[in-house]
Amino acid sequence: MSQAEGMMLFFWLSCFFLTGLFLGWALAKRRYILLIIGFAFLTPIIDFAIRADYWLFTVPLVVGFFVHTARPMYHKVQGL
């Protein structure tokens, strides 16, 4: 893999991670209007990650999402 290909891969993985990070932050802060706006603008990136069906694209998206939502979900489950 050349350096240019590696940089492009890093760019796209960063895009997937930041997409998940933003959506997780909006959901954790209960800012539903930002969540809706985020889904509206970030749908092409999410759609590509879903249609590619390759773990290298979906894992950064899910990890970025769980950065902000894992702790609140954990505390909610512990409170049950």
N, C-alpha and C. Protein backbone atom coordinates (compact mmCIF):
# COMPACT_ATOMS: atom_id res chain seq x y z
N MET A 1 0.85 -1.17 0.00
CA MET A 1 0.00 0.00 0.00
C MET A 1 0.90 1.24 0.00
N SER A 2 0.61 2.14 -0.89
CA SER A 2 1.41 3.35 -0.97
C SER A 2 1.00 4.33 0.14
N GLN A 3 1.79 5.36 0.30
CA GLN A 3 1.48 6.35 1.34
C GLN A 3 0.19 7.09 1.02
N ALA A 4 -0.08 7.36 -0.25
CA ALA A 4 -1.31 8.05 -0.63
C ALA A 4 -2.53 7.19 -0.32
N GLU A 5 -2.44 5.90 -0.60
CA GLU A 5 -3.56 5.01 -0.29
C GLU A 5 -3.78 4.91 1.22
N GLY A 6 -2.70 4.87 1.97
CA GLY A 6 -2.81 4.82 3.42
C GLY A 6 -3.45 6.08 3.99
N MET A 7 -3.11 7.23 3.42
CA MET A 7 -3.70 8.48 3.88
C MET A 7 -5.19 8.55 3.54
N MET A 8 -5.57 8.03 2.37
CA MET A 8 -6.99 8.02 2.00
C MET A 8 -7.77 7.09 2.93
N LEU A 9 -7.19 5.93 3.24
CA LEU A 9 -7.85 5.02 4.16
C LEU A 9 -8.00 5.66 5.54
N PHE A 10 -6.96 6.33 6.02
CA PHE A 10 -7.03 7.02 7.30
C PHE A 10 -8.09 8.12 7.27
N PHE A 11 -8.19 8.84 6.16
CA PHE A 11 -9.19 9.89 6.02
C PHE A 11 -10.60 9.33 6.15
N TRP A 12 -10.88 8.24 5.43
CA TRP A 12 -12.22 7.68 5.45
C TRP A 12 -12.54 7.03 6.80
N LEU A 13 -11.58 6.37 7.40
CA LEU A 13 -11.82 5.81 8.73
C LEU A 13 -12.08 6.91 9.75
N SER A 14 -11.38 8.03 9.61
CA SER A 14 -11.62 9.18 10.49
C SER A 14 -13.01 9.76 10.26
N CYS A 15 -13.44 9.81 9.02
CA CYS A 15 -14.80 10.30 8.72
C CYS A 15 -15.85 9.41 9.38
N PHE A 16 -15.67 8.09 9.29
CA PHE A 16 -16.63 7.17 9.92
C PHE A 16 -16.62 7.34 11.43
N PHE A 17 -15.43 7.44 12.02
CA PHE A 17 -15.33 7.59 13.47
C PHE A 17 -15.97 8.89 13.93
N LEU A 18 -15.69 9.99 13.25
CA LEU A 18 -16.24 11.28 13.65
C LEU A 18 -17.75 11.34 13.44
N THR A 19 -18.25 10.64 12.43
CA THR A 19 -19.70 10.55 12.23
C THR A 19 -20.35 9.87 13.43
N GLY A 20 -19.81 8.72 13.81
CA GLY A 20 -20.33 8.02 14.98
C GLY A 20 -20.17 8.84 16.25
N LEU A 21 -19.06 9.53 16.38
CA LEU A 21 -18.80 10.36 17.55
C LEU A 21 -19.83 11.47 17.67
N PHE A 22 -20.12 12.15 16.57
CA PHE A 22 -21.10 13.24 16.59
C PHE A 22 -22.50 12.72 16.91
N LEU A 23 -22.90 11.64 16.27
CA LEU A 23 -24.24 11.11 16.51
C LEU A 23 -24.37 10.58 17.95
N GLY A 24 -23.34 9.96 18.47
CA GLY A 24 -23.37 9.49 19.85
C GLY A 24 -23.43 10.65 20.83
N TRP A 25 -22.69 11.72 20.54
CA TRP A 25 -22.72 12.90 21.41
C TRP A 25 -24.11 13.53 21.42
N ALA A 26 -24.72 13.67 20.24
CA ALA A 26 -26.04 14.27 20.16
C ALA A 26 -27.08 13.42 20.90
N LEU A 27 -26.95 12.11 20.80
CA LEU A 27 -27.89 11.24 21.50
C LEU A 27 -27.66 11.27 23.01
N ALA A 28 -26.41 11.27 23.44
CA ALA A 28 -26.11 11.28 24.88
C ALA A 28 -26.54 12.59 25.53
N LYS A 29 -26.43 13.70 24.81
CA LYS A 29 -26.82 15.00 25.36
C LYS A 29 -28.30 15.30 25.17
N ARG A 30 -29.01 14.36 24.57
CA ARG A 30 -30.45 14.49 24.31
C ARG A 30 -30.76 15.72 23.46
N ARG A 31 -29.93 15.96 22.51
CA ARG A 31 -30.17 17.05 21.56
C ARG A 31 -30.69 16.41 20.28
N TYR A 32 -31.97 16.12 20.32
CA TYR A 32 -32.56 15.34 19.26
C TYR A 32 -32.62 16.09 17.93
N ILE A 33 -32.73 17.41 17.98
CA ILE A 33 -32.75 18.17 16.73
C ILE A 33 -31.39 18.05 16.04
N LEU A 34 -30.30 18.09 16.81
CA LEU A 34 -28.97 17.89 16.21
C LEU A 34 -28.81 16.47 15.69
N LEU A 35 -29.42 15.52 16.37
CA LEU A 35 -29.37 14.13 15.91
C LEU A 35 -30.08 13.99 14.56
N ILE A 36 -31.23 14.63 14.42
CA ILE A 36 -31.96 14.58 13.16
C ILE A 36 -31.19 15.29 12.06
N ILE A 37 -30.64 16.47 12.37
CA ILE A 37 -29.83 17.19 11.38
C ILE A 37 -28.59 16.39 11.02
N GLY A 38 -27.96 15.78 12.02
CA GLY A 38 -26.79 14.94 11.76
C GLY A 38 -27.11 13.78 10.85
N PHE A 39 -28.23 13.10 11.11
CA PHE A 39 -28.62 12.00 10.23
C PHE A 39 -28.90 12.50 8.82
N ALA A 40 -29.50 13.69 8.71
CA ALA A 40 -29.81 14.23 7.39
C ALA A 40 -28.54 14.52 6.59
N PHE A 41 -27.54 15.10 7.23
CA PHE A 41 -26.32 15.46 6.51
C PHE A 41 -25.32 14.31 6.39
N LEU A 42 -25.32 13.40 7.35
CA LEU A 42 -24.33 12.33 7.37
C LEU A 42 -24.86 11.02 6.80
N THR A 43 -26.05 11.03 6.24
CA THR A 43 -26.63 9.82 5.66
C THR A 43 -25.76 9.20 4.58
N PRO A 44 -25.13 9.97 3.68
CA PRO A 44 -24.28 9.31 2.67
C PRO A 44 -23.12 8.53 3.28
N ILE A 45 -22.52 9.03 4.34
CA ILE A 45 -21.40 8.32 4.97
C ILE A 45 -21.91 7.06 5.66
N ILE A 46 -23.02 7.17 6.36
CA ILE A 46 -23.59 6.00 7.04
C ILE A 46 -24.05 4.97 6.01
N ASP A 47 -24.67 5.44 4.93
CA ASP A 47 -25.14 4.54 3.88
C ASP A 47 -23.98 3.78 3.25
N PHE A 48 -22.88 4.46 3.00
CA PHE A 48 -21.71 3.78 2.44
C PHE A 48 -21.16 2.73 3.39
N ALA A 49 -21.10 3.05 4.67
CA ALA A 49 -20.59 2.09 5.66
C ALA A 49 -21.48 0.86 5.74
N ILE A 50 -22.79 1.07 5.63
CA ILE A 50 -23.71 -0.06 5.71
C ILE A 50 -23.65 -0.90 4.44
N ARG A 51 -23.64 -0.25 3.29
CA ARG A 51 -23.63 -1.00 2.03
C ARG A 51 -22.31 -1.69 1.76
N ALA A 52 -21.21 -1.13 2.25
CA ALA A 52 -19.91 -1.77 2.04
C ALA A 52 -19.85 -3.10 2.79
N ASP A 53 -20.51 -3.18 3.94
CA ASP A 53 -20.58 -4.41 4.72
C ASP A 53 -19.19 -5.00 4.95
N TYR A 54 -18.28 -4.14 5.37
CA TYR A 54 -16.90 -4.55 5.63
C TYR A 54 -16.55 -4.03 7.02
N TRP A 55 -16.00 -4.89 7.85
CA TRP A 55 -15.79 -4.54 9.25
C TRP A 55 -14.88 -3.34 9.43
N LEU A 56 -13.97 -3.10 8.50
CA LEU A 56 -13.03 -1.98 8.64
C LEU A 56 -13.75 -0.63 8.56
N PHE A 57 -14.90 -0.58 7.91
CA PHE A 57 -15.66 0.66 7.82
C PHE A 57 -16.70 0.79 8.93
N THR A 58 -17.30 -0.32 9.33
CA THR A 58 -18.37 -0.23 10.32
C THR A 58 -17.86 -0.14 11.75
N VAL A 59 -16.71 -0.72 12.04
CA VAL A 59 -16.18 -0.69 13.41
C VAL A 59 -15.89 0.74 13.88
N PRO A 60 -15.21 1.59 13.09
CA PRO A 60 -14.99 2.97 13.57
C PRO A 60 -16.29 3.73 13.80
N LEU A 61 -17.31 3.48 12.97
CA LEU A 61 -18.59 4.14 13.14
C LEU A 61 -19.23 3.74 14.47
N VAL A 62 -19.23 2.45 14.76
CA VAL A 62 -19.84 1.95 16.00
C VAL A 62 -19.02 2.38 17.22
N VAL A 63 -17.70 2.30 17.13
CA VAL A 63 -16.85 2.71 18.26
C VAL A 63 -17.03 4.20 18.55
N GLY A 64 -17.08 5.02 17.50
CA GLY A 64 -17.32 6.45 17.70
C GLY A 64 -18.66 6.71 18.36
N PHE A 65 -19.67 5.94 17.98
CA PHE A 65 -21.00 6.09 18.59
C PHE A 65 -20.98 5.70 20.06
N PHE A 66 -20.29 4.60 20.38
CA PHE A 66 -20.28 4.12 21.76
C PHE A 66 -19.37 4.91 22.68
N VAL A 67 -18.51 5.76 22.15
CA VAL A 67 -17.67 6.59 23.02
C VAL A 67 -18.53 7.43 23.95
N HIS A 68 -19.62 7.98 23.42
CA HIS A 68 -20.48 8.85 24.23
C HIS A 68 -21.67 8.13 24.83
N THR A 69 -22.09 7.01 24.27
CA THR A 69 -23.32 6.39 24.73
C THR A 69 -23.11 5.17 25.61
N ALA A 70 -21.91 4.62 25.68
CA ALA A 70 -21.70 3.38 26.44
C ALA A 70 -21.88 3.60 27.94
N ARG A 71 -21.32 4.65 28.49
CA ARG A 71 -21.41 4.88 29.94
C ARG A 71 -22.85 5.14 30.38
N PRO A 72 -23.62 6.03 29.70
CA PRO A 72 -25.01 6.20 30.12
C PRO A 72 -25.84 4.92 30.01
N MET A 73 -25.58 4.12 28.97
CA MET A 73 -26.32 2.86 28.85
C MET A 73 -25.92 1.89 29.96
N TYR A 74 -24.65 1.86 30.31
CA TYR A 74 -24.17 0.98 31.38
C TYR A 74 -24.83 1.35 32.72
N HIS A 75 -24.88 2.64 33.02
CA HIS A 75 -25.49 3.08 34.28
C HIS A 75 -26.99 2.83 34.29
N LYS A 76 -27.62 2.94 33.14
CA LYS A 76 -29.05 2.68 33.06
C LYS A 76 -29.34 1.20 33.30
N VAL A 77 -28.51 0.33 32.74
CA VAL A 77 -28.69 -1.11 32.95
C VAL A 77 -28.41 -1.48 34.40
N GLN A 78 -27.41 -0.86 35.02
CA GLN A 78 -27.09 -1.15 36.42
C GLN A 78 -28.21 -0.71 37.36
N GLY A 79 -28.96 0.31 36.95
CA GLY A 79 -30.05 0.81 37.79
C GLY A 79 -31.31 -0.03 37.72
N LEU A 80 -31.37 -0.98 36.81
CA LEU A 80 -32.58 -1.80 36.68
C LEU A 80 -32.72 -2.82 37.75
